[in-house]
């Protein structure tokens, strides 16, 4: 997550919404943990095997990783499990693993990744692997969209986790500085690459640092989940945070039967401009539309509030 330049949100048009509905009707629809064939556009409420509920952890982005780092992750993962989470999303530094050009491989870093994924899996939780290219200490290339190195990154991940139950591929963290057509070309190629080797669920993040899915092109392929970060925007002045802007940005996809996840939610009102009354309205909106909830940081309060809304039986 970064401090970003304000941008004004647009409203999805009737024509664009109709196009999305038509695309959903003709595209394989993802259900978390399984693969389906072509489905009707009107699936709501669609049926997740489980709604993803949990936390995003950035621990593997730390430059210094030692055995104590794994111990700290284990403590956090146990807490998350005890609180009722079923999913942990891990941000992994792409350039550290394979280099900016995809021409090297850091075996010691992969060791920490394997140990972390193995432990979280041993708790019976879903692990979401995410390629992270924003600035981090000693790795400052800050690639805004998938590159050749991203394909190399996923080749290494698939060597270990292809078709592994409980492992999700979140292809690229917070795409930025691109048009939807550029996004479509880059991400369809990446989906095609993954699908030649693996059927793991794939998470696809929206544009503008994943702040919106408005007008997102429907990609071809089964087991695809569309994700966003934060309700509408982390930028002041981009859009008023209410049910209308939520619907325009991502809710219309859920209404039309597509699995949708907020893969980074943080209710810091100063940074994300979501005051407490609006926070509860947002959580209710997410619950009503079967939108998954992955919280950035280990906030027991936020998880408890969301779980209290959806009820234990819903996850």
C-alpha atoms as a PDB file:
ATOM      1  CA  UNK A   1       0.000   0.000   0.000  1.00  0.00           C
ATOM      2  CA  UNK A   2       1.256   3.481  -0.883  1.00  0.00           C
ATOM      3  CA  UNK A   3       0.184   7.115  -0.627  1.00  0.00           C
ATOM      4  CA  UNK A   4      -1.417   7.809  -3.983  1.00  0.00           C
ATOM      5  CA  UNK A   5      -2.543  10.646  -6.137  1.00  0.00           C
ATOM      6  CA  UNK A   6      -6.276  11.472  -6.017  1.00  0.00           C
ATOM      7  CA  UNK A   7      -8.458  10.325  -8.844  1.00  0.00           C
ATOM      8  CA  UNK A   8     -12.139  10.910  -9.474  1.00  0.00           C
ATOM      9  CA  UNK A   9     -14.245   7.741  -9.687  1.00  0.00           C
ATOM     10  CA  UNK A  10     -16.589   7.154 -12.611  1.00  0.00           C
ATOM     11  CA  UNK A  11     -19.974   5.509 -12.569  1.00  0.00           C
ATOM     12  CA  UNK A  12     -20.436   2.348 -14.577  1.00  0.00           C
ATOM     13  CA  UNK A  13     -22.815   2.987 -17.488  1.00  0.00           C
ATOM     14  CA  UNK A  14     -25.866   0.941 -18.360  1.00  0.00           C
ATOM     15  CA  UNK A  15     -24.151  -0.203 -21.554  1.00  0.00           C
ATOM     16  CA  UNK A  16     -21.015  -1.284 -19.704  1.00  0.00           C
ATOM     17  CA  UNK A  17     -23.051  -3.108 -17.071  1.00  0.00           C
ATOM     18  CA  UNK A  18     -25.022  -4.938 -19.764  1.00  0.00           C
ATOM     19  CA  UNK A  19     -21.758  -5.966 -21.407  1.00  0.00           C
ATOM     20  CA  UNK A  20     -20.471  -7.364 -18.120  1.00  0.00           C
ATOM     21  CA  UNK A  21     -23.669  -9.373 -17.598  1.00  0.00           C
ATOM     22  CA  UNK A  22     -23.393 -10.798 -21.099  1.00  0.00           C
ATOM     23  CA  UNK A  23     -19.755 -11.684 -20.523  1.00  0.00           C
ATOM     24  CA  UNK A  24     -20.555 -13.452 -17.264  1.00  0.00           C
ATOM     25  CA  UNK A  25     -23.167 -15.522 -19.051  1.00  0.00           C
ATOM     26  CA  UNK A  26     -20.655 -16.740 -21.613  1.00  0.00           C
ATOM     27  CA  UNK A  27     -17.604 -17.148 -19.406  1.00  0.00           C
ATOM     28  CA  UNK A  28     -16.661 -19.933 -17.019  1.00  0.00           C
ATOM     29  CA  UNK A  29     -17.484 -18.753 -13.506  1.00  0.00           C
ATOM     30  CA  UNK A  30     -15.177 -19.331 -10.554  1.00  0.00           C
ATOM     31  CA  UNK A  31     -16.305 -20.885  -7.316  1.00  0.00           C
ATOM     32  CA  UNK A  32     -13.656 -20.836  -4.616  1.00  0.00           C
ATOM     33  CA  UNK A  33     -11.959 -24.200  -4.368  1.00  0.00           C
ATOM     34  CA  UNK A  34     -13.626 -25.784  -7.398  1.00  0.00           C
ATOM     35  CA  UNK A  35     -13.981 -25.351 -11.134  1.00  0.00           C
ATOM     36  CA  UNK A  36     -17.309 -24.950 -12.893  1.00  0.00           C
ATOM     37  CA  UNK A  37     -18.360 -24.835 -16.508  1.00  0.00           C
ATOM     38  CA  UNK A  38     -20.435 -22.156 -18.159  1.00  0.00           C
ATOM     39  CA  UNK A  39     -23.099 -20.807 -15.825  1.00  0.00           C
ATOM     40  CA  UNK A  40     -26.073 -18.459 -16.007  1.00  0.00           C
ATOM     41  CA  UNK A  41     -25.337 -14.779 -15.481  1.00  0.00           C
ATOM     42  CA  UNK A  42     -27.821 -14.676 -12.605  1.00  0.00           C
ATOM     43  CA  UNK A  43     -26.215 -16.762  -9.889  1.00  0.00           C
ATOM     44  CA  UNK A  44     -26.761 -14.615  -6.829  1.00  0.00           C
ATOM     45  CA  UNK A  45     -26.424 -15.762  -4.202  1.00  0.00           C
ATOM     46  CA  UNK A  46     -23.611 -17.817  -5.720  1.00  0.00           C
ATOM     47  CA  UNK A  47     -22.125 -20.558  -3.582  1.00  0.00           C
ATOM     48  CA  UNK A  48     -18.558 -20.343  -2.381  1.00  0.00           C
ATOM     49  CA  UNK A  49     -17.246 -23.528  -0.834  1.00  0.00           C
ATOM     50  CA  UNK A  50     -16.112 -21.023   1.755  1.00  0.00           C
ATOM     51  CA  UNK A  51     -16.140 -17.246   1.726  1.00  0.00           C
ATOM     52  CA  UNK A  52     -12.499 -16.152   2.117  1.00  0.00           C
ATOM     53  CA  UNK A  53     -12.151 -14.401   5.465  1.00  0.00           C
ATOM     54  CA  UNK A  54      -8.787 -13.569   6.958  1.00  0.00           C
ATOM     55  CA  UNK A  55      -5.701 -11.405   6.758  1.00  0.00           C
ATOM     56  CA  UNK A  56      -3.049 -10.103   4.389  1.00  0.00           C
ATOM     57  CA  UNK A  57       0.449 -10.495   5.833  1.00  0.00           C
ATOM     58  CA  UNK A  58       3.458  -8.610   4.466  1.00  0.00           C
ATOM     59  CA  UNK A  59       6.050 -10.349   6.665  1.00  0.00           C
ATOM     60  CA  UNK A  60       7.782 -12.027   3.713  1.00  0.00           C
ATOM     61  CA  UNK A  61       8.552  -8.588   2.265  1.00  0.00           C
ATOM     62  CA  UNK A  62      10.955  -7.866   5.146  1.00  0.00           C
ATOM     63  CA  UNK A  63      14.503  -7.749   3.881  1.00  0.00           C
ATOM     64  CA  UNK A  64      15.926  -9.587   6.894  1.00  0.00           C
ATOM     65  CA  UNK A  65      14.374 -13.029   7.306  1.00  0.00           C
ATOM     66  CA  UNK A  66      15.616 -15.396  10.014  1.00  0.00           C
ATOM     67  CA  UNK A  67      14.108 -18.387  11.825  1.00  0.00           C
ATOM     68  CA  UNK A  68      12.548 -15.963  14.294  1.00  0.00           C
ATOM     69  CA  UNK A  69      10.711 -14.393  11.364  1.00  0.00           C
ATOM     70  CA  UNK A  70       8.967 -17.704  10.708  1.00  0.00           C
ATOM     71  CA  UNK A  71       8.161 -18.027  14.396  1.00  0.00           C
ATOM     72  CA  UNK A  72       6.515 -14.582  14.357  1.00  0.00           C
ATOM     73  CA  UNK A  73       4.456 -15.487  11.283  1.00  0.00           C
ATOM     74  CA  UNK A  74       3.400 -18.725  12.980  1.00  0.00           C
ATOM     75  CA  UNK A  75       2.182 -16.849  16.049  1.00  0.00           C
ATOM     76  CA  UNK A  76       0.143 -14.485  13.879  1.00  0.00           C
ATOM     77  CA  UNK A  77      -1.303 -17.315  11.814  1.00  0.00           C
ATOM     78  CA  UNK A  78      -2.369 -19.240  14.941  1.00  0.00           C
ATOM     79  CA  UNK A  79      -4.090 -16.128  16.258  1.00  0.00           C
ATOM     80  CA  UNK A  80      -5.903 -15.646  12.967  1.00  0.00           C
ATOM     81  CA  UNK A  81      -7.095 -19.255  13.001  1.00  0.00           C
ATOM     82  CA  UNK A  82      -8.266 -18.976  16.610  1.00  0.00           C
ATOM     83  CA  UNK A  83     -10.218 -15.816  15.750  1.00  0.00           C
ATOM     84  CA  UNK A  84     -12.118 -17.596  12.968  1.00  0.00           C
ATOM     85  CA  UNK A  85     -10.091 -16.725   9.853  1.00  0.00           C
ATOM     86  CA  UNK A  86      -9.868 -19.307   7.088  1.00  0.00           C
ATOM     87  CA  UNK A  87      -7.458 -17.529   4.704  1.00  0.00           C
ATOM     88  CA  UNK A  88      -4.021 -15.901   4.876  1.00  0.00           C
ATOM     89  CA  UNK A  89      -2.796 -13.824   1.918  1.00  0.00           C
ATOM     90  CA  UNK A  90       0.997 -13.544   1.648  1.00  0.00           C
ATOM     91  CA  UNK A  91       2.681 -10.685  -0.234  1.00  0.00           C
ATOM     92  CA  UNK A  92       5.910 -12.028  -1.720  1.00  0.00           C
ATOM     93  CA  UNK A  93       8.580  -9.792  -3.267  1.00  0.00           C
ATOM     94  CA  UNK A  94       8.782 -10.869  -6.903  1.00  0.00           C
ATOM     95  CA  UNK A  95      12.142  -9.229  -7.645  1.00  0.00           C
ATOM     96  CA  UNK A  96      13.754 -10.820  -4.611  1.00  0.00           C
ATOM     97  CA  UNK A  97      12.744 -14.293  -5.724  1.00  0.00           C
ATOM     98  CA  UNK A  98      13.573 -14.078  -9.444  1.00  0.00           C
ATOM     99  CA  UNK A  99      15.211 -10.700 -10.076  1.00  0.00           C
ATOM    100  CA  UNK A 100      13.857  -7.742 -12.039  1.00  0.00           C
ATOM    101  CA  UNK A 101      14.484  -9.551 -15.326  1.00  0.00           C
ATOM    102  CA  UNK A 102      13.514 -13.004 -14.107  1.00  0.00           C
ATOM    103  CA  UNK A 103      17.075 -14.192 -14.616  1.00  0.00           C
ATOM    104  CA  UNK A 104      17.932 -15.494 -11.148  1.00  0.00           C
ATOM    105  CA  UNK A 105      16.454 -17.512  -8.295  1.00  0.00           C
ATOM    106  CA  UNK A 106      16.844 -16.926  -4.558  1.00  0.00           C
ATOM    107  CA  UNK A 107      16.634 -20.417  -3.063  1.00  0.00           C
ATOM    108  CA  UNK A 108      16.963 -19.168   0.512  1.00  0.00           C
ATOM    109  CA  UNK A 109      13.977 -16.839   0.043  1.00  0.00           C
ATOM    110  CA  UNK A 110      11.955 -19.703  -1.421  1.00  0.00           C
ATOM    111  CA  UNK A 111      12.829 -21.713   1.696  1.00  0.00           C
ATOM    112  CA  UNK A 112      11.070 -19.140   3.863  1.00  0.00           C
ATOM    113  CA  UNK A 113       8.111 -19.083   1.492  1.00  0.00           C
ATOM    114  CA  UNK A 114       7.806 -22.882   1.597  1.00  0.00           C
ATOM    115  CA  UNK A 115       8.055 -22.989   5.374  1.00  0.00           C
ATOM    116  CA  UNK A 116       5.393 -20.293   5.748  1.00  0.00           C
ATOM    117  CA  UNK A 117       2.978 -21.840   3.250  1.00  0.00           C
ATOM    118  CA  UNK A 118       3.467 -25.257   4.809  1.00  0.00           C
ATOM    119  CA  UNK A 119       2.716 -24.032   8.307  1.00  0.00           C
ATOM    120  CA  UNK A 120      -0.399 -22.084   7.312  1.00  0.00           C
ATOM    121  CA  UNK A 121      -1.617 -25.089   5.343  1.00  0.00           C
ATOM    122  CA  UNK A 122      -1.061 -27.314   8.380  1.00  0.00           C
ATOM    123  CA  UNK A 123      -3.607 -25.159  10.229  1.00  0.00           C
ATOM    124  CA  UNK A 124      -6.203 -26.063   7.611  1.00  0.00           C
ATOM    125  CA  UNK A 125      -6.245 -22.540   6.207  1.00  0.00           C
ATOM    126  CA  UNK A 126      -6.207 -21.386   2.587  1.00  0.00           C
ATOM    127  CA  UNK A 127      -2.955 -19.692   1.510  1.00  0.00           C
ATOM    128  CA  UNK A 128      -3.060 -16.925  -1.112  1.00  0.00           C
ATOM    129  CA  UNK A 129       0.292 -16.311  -2.834  1.00  0.00           C
ATOM    130  CA  UNK A 130       0.705 -12.796  -4.216  1.00  0.00           C
ATOM    131  CA  UNK A 131       3.424 -11.362  -6.479  1.00  0.00           C
ATOM    132  CA  UNK A 132       4.360  -7.979  -4.998  1.00  0.00           C
ATOM    133  CA  UNK A 133       6.358  -5.442  -7.023  1.00  0.00           C
ATOM    134  CA  UNK A 134       5.840  -2.162  -5.182  1.00  0.00           C
ATOM    135  CA  UNK A 135       8.875  -0.588  -3.552  1.00  0.00           C
ATOM    136  CA  UNK A 136      10.386  -2.501  -0.641  1.00  0.00           C
ATOM    137  CA  UNK A 137      13.839  -2.175   0.958  1.00  0.00           C
ATOM    138  CA  UNK A 138      16.589  -3.137  -1.522  1.00  0.00           C
ATOM    139  CA  UNK A 139      13.990  -3.869  -4.238  1.00  0.00           C
ATOM    140  CA  UNK A 140      12.796  -0.609  -5.746  1.00  0.00           C
ATOM    141  CA  UNK A 141      12.016  -1.323  -9.418  1.00  0.00           C
ATOM    142  CA  UNK A 142       8.300  -0.754  -8.706  1.00  0.00           C
ATOM    143  CA  UNK A 143       6.908  -2.492 -11.812  1.00  0.00           C
ATOM    144  CA  UNK A 144       3.312  -1.299 -12.379  1.00  0.00           C
ATOM    145  CA  UNK A 145       2.115  -4.325 -14.410  1.00  0.00           C
ATOM    146  CA  UNK A 146       3.126  -7.972 -14.936  1.00  0.00           C
ATOM    147  CA  UNK A 147       6.444  -8.513 -16.693  1.00  0.00           C
ATOM    148  CA  UNK A 148       8.455 -11.479 -17.941  1.00  0.00           C
ATOM    149  CA  UNK A 149       9.717 -11.801 -14.370  1.00  0.00           C
ATOM    150  CA  UNK A 150       6.115 -12.262 -13.205  1.00  0.00           C
ATOM    151  CA  UNK A 151       5.784 -15.278 -15.487  1.00  0.00           C
ATOM    152  CA  UNK A 152       9.070 -16.656 -14.117  1.00  0.00           C
ATOM    153  CA  UNK A 153       7.826 -16.041 -10.559  1.00  0.00           C
ATOM    154  CA  UNK A 154       4.691 -18.107 -11.220  1.00  0.00           C
ATOM    155  CA  UNK A 155       6.672 -20.830 -12.977  1.00  0.00           C
ATOM    156  CA  UNK A 156       8.607 -21.358  -9.747  1.00  0.00           C
ATOM    157  CA  UNK A 157       5.426 -21.214  -7.659  1.00  0.00           C
ATOM    158  CA  UNK A 158       3.671 -23.733  -9.888  1.00  0.00           C
ATOM    159  CA  UNK A 159       6.624 -26.108  -9.597  1.00  0.00           C
ATOM    160  CA  UNK A 160       5.698 -26.381  -5.909  1.00  0.00           C
ATOM    161  CA  UNK A 161       1.988 -25.597  -5.674  1.00  0.00           C
ATOM    162  CA  UNK A 162       0.308 -26.386  -8.997  1.00  0.00           C
ATOM    163  CA  UNK A 163      -3.071 -28.057  -8.343  1.00  0.00           C
ATOM    164  CA  UNK A 164      -2.407 -28.016  -4.592  1.00  0.00           C
ATOM    165  CA  UNK A 165      -5.701 -27.799  -2.674  1.00  0.00           C
ATOM    166  CA  UNK A 166      -5.896 -24.738  -0.461  1.00  0.00           C
ATOM    167  CA  UNK A 167      -3.376 -22.670  -2.461  1.00  0.00           C
ATOM    168  CA  UNK A 168      -4.610 -19.626  -4.411  1.00  0.00           C
ATOM    169  CA  UNK A 169      -2.607 -17.619  -6.967  1.00  0.00           C
ATOM    170  CA  UNK A 170      -3.093 -13.820  -6.629  1.00  0.00           C
ATOM    171  CA  UNK A 171      -1.311 -12.894  -9.839  1.00  0.00           C
ATOM    172  CA  UNK A 172      -0.072  -9.344  -9.252  1.00  0.00           C
ATOM    173  CA  UNK A 173      -0.351  -6.877  -6.396  1.00  0.00           C
ATOM    174  CA  UNK A 174      -2.113  -3.570  -7.106  1.00  0.00           C
ATOM    175  CA  UNK A 175      -1.806  -3.000 -10.889  1.00  0.00           C
ATOM    176  CA  UNK A 176      -1.267   0.677 -11.648  1.00  0.00           C
ATOM    177  CA  UNK A 177      -0.634   3.222 -14.389  1.00  0.00           C
ATOM    178  CA  UNK A 178      -2.484   1.318 -17.110  1.00  0.00           C
ATOM    179  CA  UNK A 179      -5.719   1.194 -19.082  1.00  0.00           C
ATOM    180  CA  UNK A 180      -8.198  -1.644 -18.891  1.00  0.00           C
ATOM    181  CA  UNK A 181      -7.111  -2.805 -22.360  1.00  0.00           C
ATOM    182  CA  UNK A 182      -3.497  -2.961 -21.233  1.00  0.00           C
ATOM    183  CA  UNK A 183      -4.652  -4.796 -18.108  1.00  0.00           C
ATOM    184  CA  UNK A 184      -6.652  -7.280 -20.216  1.00  0.00           C
ATOM    185  CA  UNK A 185      -3.711  -8.111 -22.472  1.00  0.00           C
ATOM    186  CA  UNK A 186      -1.230  -8.576 -19.620  1.00  0.00           C
ATOM    187  CA  UNK A 187      -3.513 -10.535 -17.313  1.00  0.00           C
ATOM    188  CA  UNK A 188      -5.093 -12.750 -19.965  1.00  0.00           C
ATOM    189  CA  UNK A 189      -1.598 -13.836 -21.019  1.00  0.00           C
ATOM    190  CA  UNK A 190      -0.739 -14.587 -17.399  1.00  0.00           C
ATOM    191  CA  UNK A 191      -3.986 -16.520 -16.847  1.00  0.00           C
ATOM    192  CA  UNK A 192      -3.321 -18.541 -20.009  1.00  0.00           C
ATOM    193  CA  UNK A 193       0.193 -19.334 -18.776  1.00  0.00           C
ATOM    194  CA  UNK A 194      -1.092 -20.488 -15.391  1.00  0.00           C
ATOM    195  CA  UNK A 195      -3.901 -22.548 -16.885  1.00  0.00           C
ATOM    196  CA  UNK A 196      -1.529 -24.559 -19.082  1.00  0.00           C
ATOM    197  CA  UNK A 197      -0.005 -25.933 -15.873  1.00  0.00           C
ATOM    198  CA  UNK A 198      -2.393 -25.502 -12.934  1.00  0.00           C
ATOM    199  CA  UNK A 199      -6.053 -25.218 -11.987  1.00  0.00           C
ATOM    200  CA  UNK A 200      -5.549 -23.353  -8.682  1.00  0.00           C
ATOM    201  CA  UNK A 201      -8.056 -20.541  -8.060  1.00  0.00           C
ATOM    202  CA  UNK A 202      -6.735 -17.280  -9.536  1.00  0.00           C
ATOM    203  CA  UNK A 203      -7.335 -13.855  -7.981  1.00  0.00           C
ATOM    204  CA  UNK A 204      -7.327 -10.880 -10.369  1.00  0.00           C
ATOM    205  CA  UNK A 205      -6.809  -7.405  -8.890  1.00  0.00           C
ATOM    206  CA  UNK A 206      -8.357  -4.293 -10.396  1.00  0.00           C
ATOM    207  CA  UNK A 207      -6.689  -1.100 -11.617  1.00  0.00           C
ATOM    208  CA  UNK A 208      -5.503   2.044  -9.829  1.00  0.00           C
ATOM    209  CA  UNK A 209      -3.707   0.115  -7.093  1.00  0.00           C
ATOM    210  CA  UNK A 210      -6.588  -2.384  -7.126  1.00  0.00           C
ATOM    211  CA  UNK A 211      -8.964   0.303  -5.860  1.00  0.00           C
ATOM    212  CA  UNK A 212     -11.640  -0.405  -8.492  1.00  0.00           C
ATOM    213  CA  UNK A 213     -13.132  -3.100 -10.715  1.00  0.00           C
ATOM    214  CA  UNK A 214     -15.374  -0.669 -12.570  1.00  0.00           C
ATOM    215  CA  UNK A 215     -15.536  -1.696 -16.256  1.00  0.00           C
ATOM    216  CA  UNK A 216     -13.108  -4.585 -15.700  1.00  0.00           C
ATOM    217  CA  UNK A 217     -12.881  -6.805 -18.823  1.00  0.00           C
ATOM    218  CA  UNK A 218     -14.009 -10.380 -18.221  1.00  0.00           C
ATOM    219  CA  UNK A 219     -11.087 -12.719 -18.821  1.00  0.00           C
ATOM    220  CA  UNK A 220     -11.345 -16.221 -20.269  1.00  0.00           C
ATOM    221  CA  UNK A 221     -10.667 -19.133 -17.970  1.00  0.00           C
ATOM    222  CA  UNK A 222     -12.193 -21.075 -15.122  1.00  0.00           C
ATOM    223  CA  UNK A 223     -11.796 -20.478 -11.398  1.00  0.00           C
ATOM    224  CA  UNK A 224     -11.207 -16.712 -11.660  1.00  0.00           C
ATOM    225  CA  UNK A 225     -11.983 -14.416  -8.719  1.00  0.00           C
ATOM    226  CA  UNK A 226     -12.017 -10.608  -9.049  1.00  0.00           C
ATOM    227  CA  UNK A 227     -10.525  -8.646  -6.158  1.00  0.00           C
ATOM    228  CA  UNK A 228     -10.097  -5.051  -5.012  1.00  0.00           C
ATOM    229  CA  UNK A 229      -8.411  -3.250  -2.127  1.00  0.00           C
ATOM    230  CA  UNK A 230     -10.333  -0.988   0.239  1.00  0.00           C
ATOM    231  CA  UNK A 231     -13.916   0.205  -0.325  1.00  0.00           C
ATOM    232  CA  UNK A 232     -13.642   2.223  -3.530  1.00  0.00           C
ATOM    233  CA  UNK A 233     -10.440   4.120  -2.855  1.00  0.00           C
ATOM    234  CA  UNK A 234      -7.563   4.999  -0.555  1.00  0.00           C
ATOM    235  CA  UNK A 235      -7.471   8.485  -2.076  1.00  0.00           C
ATOM    236  CA  UNK A 236      -9.199  11.504  -0.624  1.00  0.00           C
ATOM    237  CA  UNK A 237     -11.639  13.059  -3.055  1.00  0.00           C
ATOM    238  CA  UNK A 238     -11.764  10.152  -5.481  1.00  0.00           C
ATOM    239  CA  UNK A 239     -15.322   9.121  -4.627  1.00  0.00           C
ATOM    240  CA  UNK A 240     -17.738   9.367  -1.761  1.00  0.00           C
ATOM    241  CA  UNK A 241     -17.725   6.026   0.039  1.00  0.00           C
ATOM    242  CA  UNK A 242     -21.328   4.787  -0.041  1.00  0.00           C
ATOM    243  CA  UNK A 243     -23.434   1.973  -1.481  1.00  0.00           C
ATOM    244  CA  UNK A 244     -23.695   3.696  -4.873  1.00  0.00           C
ATOM    245  CA  UNK A 245     -19.929   3.968  -5.297  1.00  0.00           C
ATOM    246  CA  UNK A 246     -19.411   0.435  -3.924  1.00  0.00           C
ATOM    247  CA  UNK A 247     -21.877  -0.920  -6.472  1.00  0.00           C
ATOM    248  CA  UNK A 248     -20.227   0.969  -9.348  1.00  0.00           C
ATOM    249  CA  UNK A 249     -16.737  -0.092  -8.316  1.00  0.00           C
ATOM    250  CA  UNK A 250     -17.226  -3.786  -7.537  1.00  0.00           C
ATOM    251  CA  UNK A 251     -20.708  -4.612  -6.250  1.00  0.00           C
ATOM    252  CA  UNK A 252     -22.223  -4.973  -9.715  1.00  0.00           C
ATOM    253  CA  UNK A 253     -19.967  -7.989 -10.309  1.00  0.00           C
ATOM    254  CA  UNK A 254     -21.174  -9.704  -7.150  1.00  0.00           C
ATOM    255  CA  UNK A 255     -24.791  -8.908  -8.054  1.00  0.00           C
ATOM    256  CA  UNK A 256     -24.265 -10.712 -11.355  1.00  0.00           C
ATOM    257  CA  UNK A 257     -22.858 -13.845  -9.775  1.00  0.00           C
ATOM    258  CA  UNK A 258     -19.100 -13.389  -9.865  1.00  0.00           C
ATOM    259  CA  UNK A 259     -16.960 -14.197  -6.808  1.00  0.00           C
ATOM    260  CA  UNK A 260     -15.492 -10.944  -5.454  1.00  0.00           C
ATOM    261  CA  UNK A 261     -13.045 -10.362  -2.593  1.00  0.00           C
ATOM    262  CA  UNK A 262     -11.826  -7.269  -0.777  1.00  0.00           C
ATOM    263  CA  UNK A 263      -8.250  -8.531  -0.521  1.00  0.00           C
ATOM    264  CA  UNK A 264      -6.993  -5.602   1.597  1.00  0.00           C
ATOM    265  CA  UNK A 265      -9.379  -3.856   3.957  1.00  0.00           C
ATOM    266  CA  UNK A 266      -8.251  -1.305   6.507  1.00  0.00           C
ATOM    267  CA  UNK A 267     -10.620   1.100   8.248  1.00  0.00           C
ATOM    268  CA  UNK A 268      -8.006   3.716   9.150  1.00  0.00           C
ATOM    269  CA  UNK A 269     -10.315   6.735   8.744  1.00  0.00           C
ATOM    270  CA  UNK A 270      -7.437   9.207   8.374  1.00  0.00           C
ATOM    271  CA  UNK A 271      -5.835   7.300   5.500  1.00  0.00           C
ATOM    272  CA  UNK A 272      -8.791   5.621   3.852  1.00  0.00           C
ATOM    273  CA  UNK A 273     -11.578   8.069   4.676  1.00  0.00           C
ATOM    274  CA  UNK A 274     -14.015   5.499   5.996  1.00  0.00           C
ATOM    275  CA  UNK A 275     -15.536   6.716   9.301  1.00  0.00           C
ATOM    276  CA  UNK A 276     -16.919   4.212  11.782  1.00  0.00           C
ATOM    277  CA  UNK A 277     -20.628   4.419  10.777  1.00  0.00           C
ATOM    278  CA  UNK A 278     -19.661   3.948   7.126  1.00  0.00           C
ATOM    279  CA  UNK A 279     -17.388   1.049   8.064  1.00  0.00           C
ATOM    280  CA  UNK A 280     -20.309  -0.930   9.467  1.00  0.00           C
ATOM    281  CA  UNK A 281     -22.449  -0.068   6.445  1.00  0.00           C
ATOM    282  CA  UNK A 282     -19.636  -1.301   4.217  1.00  0.00           C
ATOM    283  CA  UNK A 283     -19.244  -4.566   6.113  1.00  0.00           C
ATOM    284  CA  UNK A 284     -22.992  -5.145   5.880  1.00  0.00           C
ATOM    285  CA  UNK A 285     -22.828  -4.420   2.146  1.00  0.00           C
ATOM    286  CA  UNK A 286     -20.003  -6.933   1.731  1.00  0.00           C
ATOM    287  CA  UNK A 287     -21.894  -9.534   3.753  1.00  0.00           C
ATOM    288  CA  UNK A 288     -25.110  -9.039   1.781  1.00  0.00           C
ATOM    289  CA  UNK A 289     -23.253  -9.496  -1.513  1.00  0.00           C
ATOM    290  CA  UNK A 290     -21.156 -12.483  -0.351  1.00  0.00           C
ATOM    291  CA  UNK A 291     -17.935 -10.515  -0.807  1.00  0.00           C
ATOM    292  CA  UNK A 292     -14.877 -12.069   0.825  1.00  0.00           C
ATOM    293  CA  UNK A 293     -12.974 -10.011   3.378  1.00  0.00           C
ATOM    294  CA  UNK A 294      -9.182 -10.073   3.773  1.00  0.00           C
ATOM    295  CA  UNK A 295      -8.004  -7.520   6.329  1.00  0.00           C
ATOM    296  CA  UNK A 296      -4.628  -5.790   6.019  1.00  0.00           C
ATOM    297  CA  UNK A 297      -2.954  -6.176   9.381  1.00  0.00           C
ATOM    298  CA  UNK A 298      -3.996  -8.407  12.246  1.00  0.00           C
ATOM    299  CA  UNK A 299      -7.159  -6.610  13.390  1.00  0.00           C
ATOM    300  CA  UNK A 300      -9.189  -8.893  15.651  1.00  0.00           C
ATOM    301  CA  UNK A 301     -11.831  -6.177  15.968  1.00  0.00           C
ATOM    302  CA  UNK A 302     -12.509  -5.942  12.241  1.00  0.00           C
ATOM    303  CA  UNK A 303     -12.558  -9.709  11.783  1.00  0.00           C
ATOM    304  CA  UNK A 304     -14.888 -10.163  14.744  1.00  0.00           C
ATOM    305  CA  UNK A 305     -17.240  -7.503  13.389  1.00  0.00           C
ATOM    306  CA  UNK A 306     -17.388  -9.102   9.937  1.00  0.00           C
ATOM    307  CA  UNK A 307     -17.800 -12.627  11.286  1.00  0.00           C
ATOM    308  CA  UNK A 308     -20.530 -11.381  13.593  1.00  0.00           C
ATOM    309  CA  UNK A 309     -22.411 -10.095  10.565  1.00  0.00           C
ATOM    310  CA  UNK A 310     -22.134 -13.191   8.412  1.00  0.00           C
ATOM    311  CA  UNK A 311     -22.498 -15.741  11.218  1.00  0.00           C
ATOM    312  CA  UNK A 312     -20.287 -18.744  11.825  1.00  0.00           C
ATOM    313  CA  UNK A 313     -22.350 -20.934   9.519  1.00  0.00           C
ATOM    314  CA  UNK A 314     -21.616 -18.750   6.507  1.00  0.00           C
ATOM    315  CA  UNK A 315     -17.917 -19.554   6.428  1.00  0.00           C
END
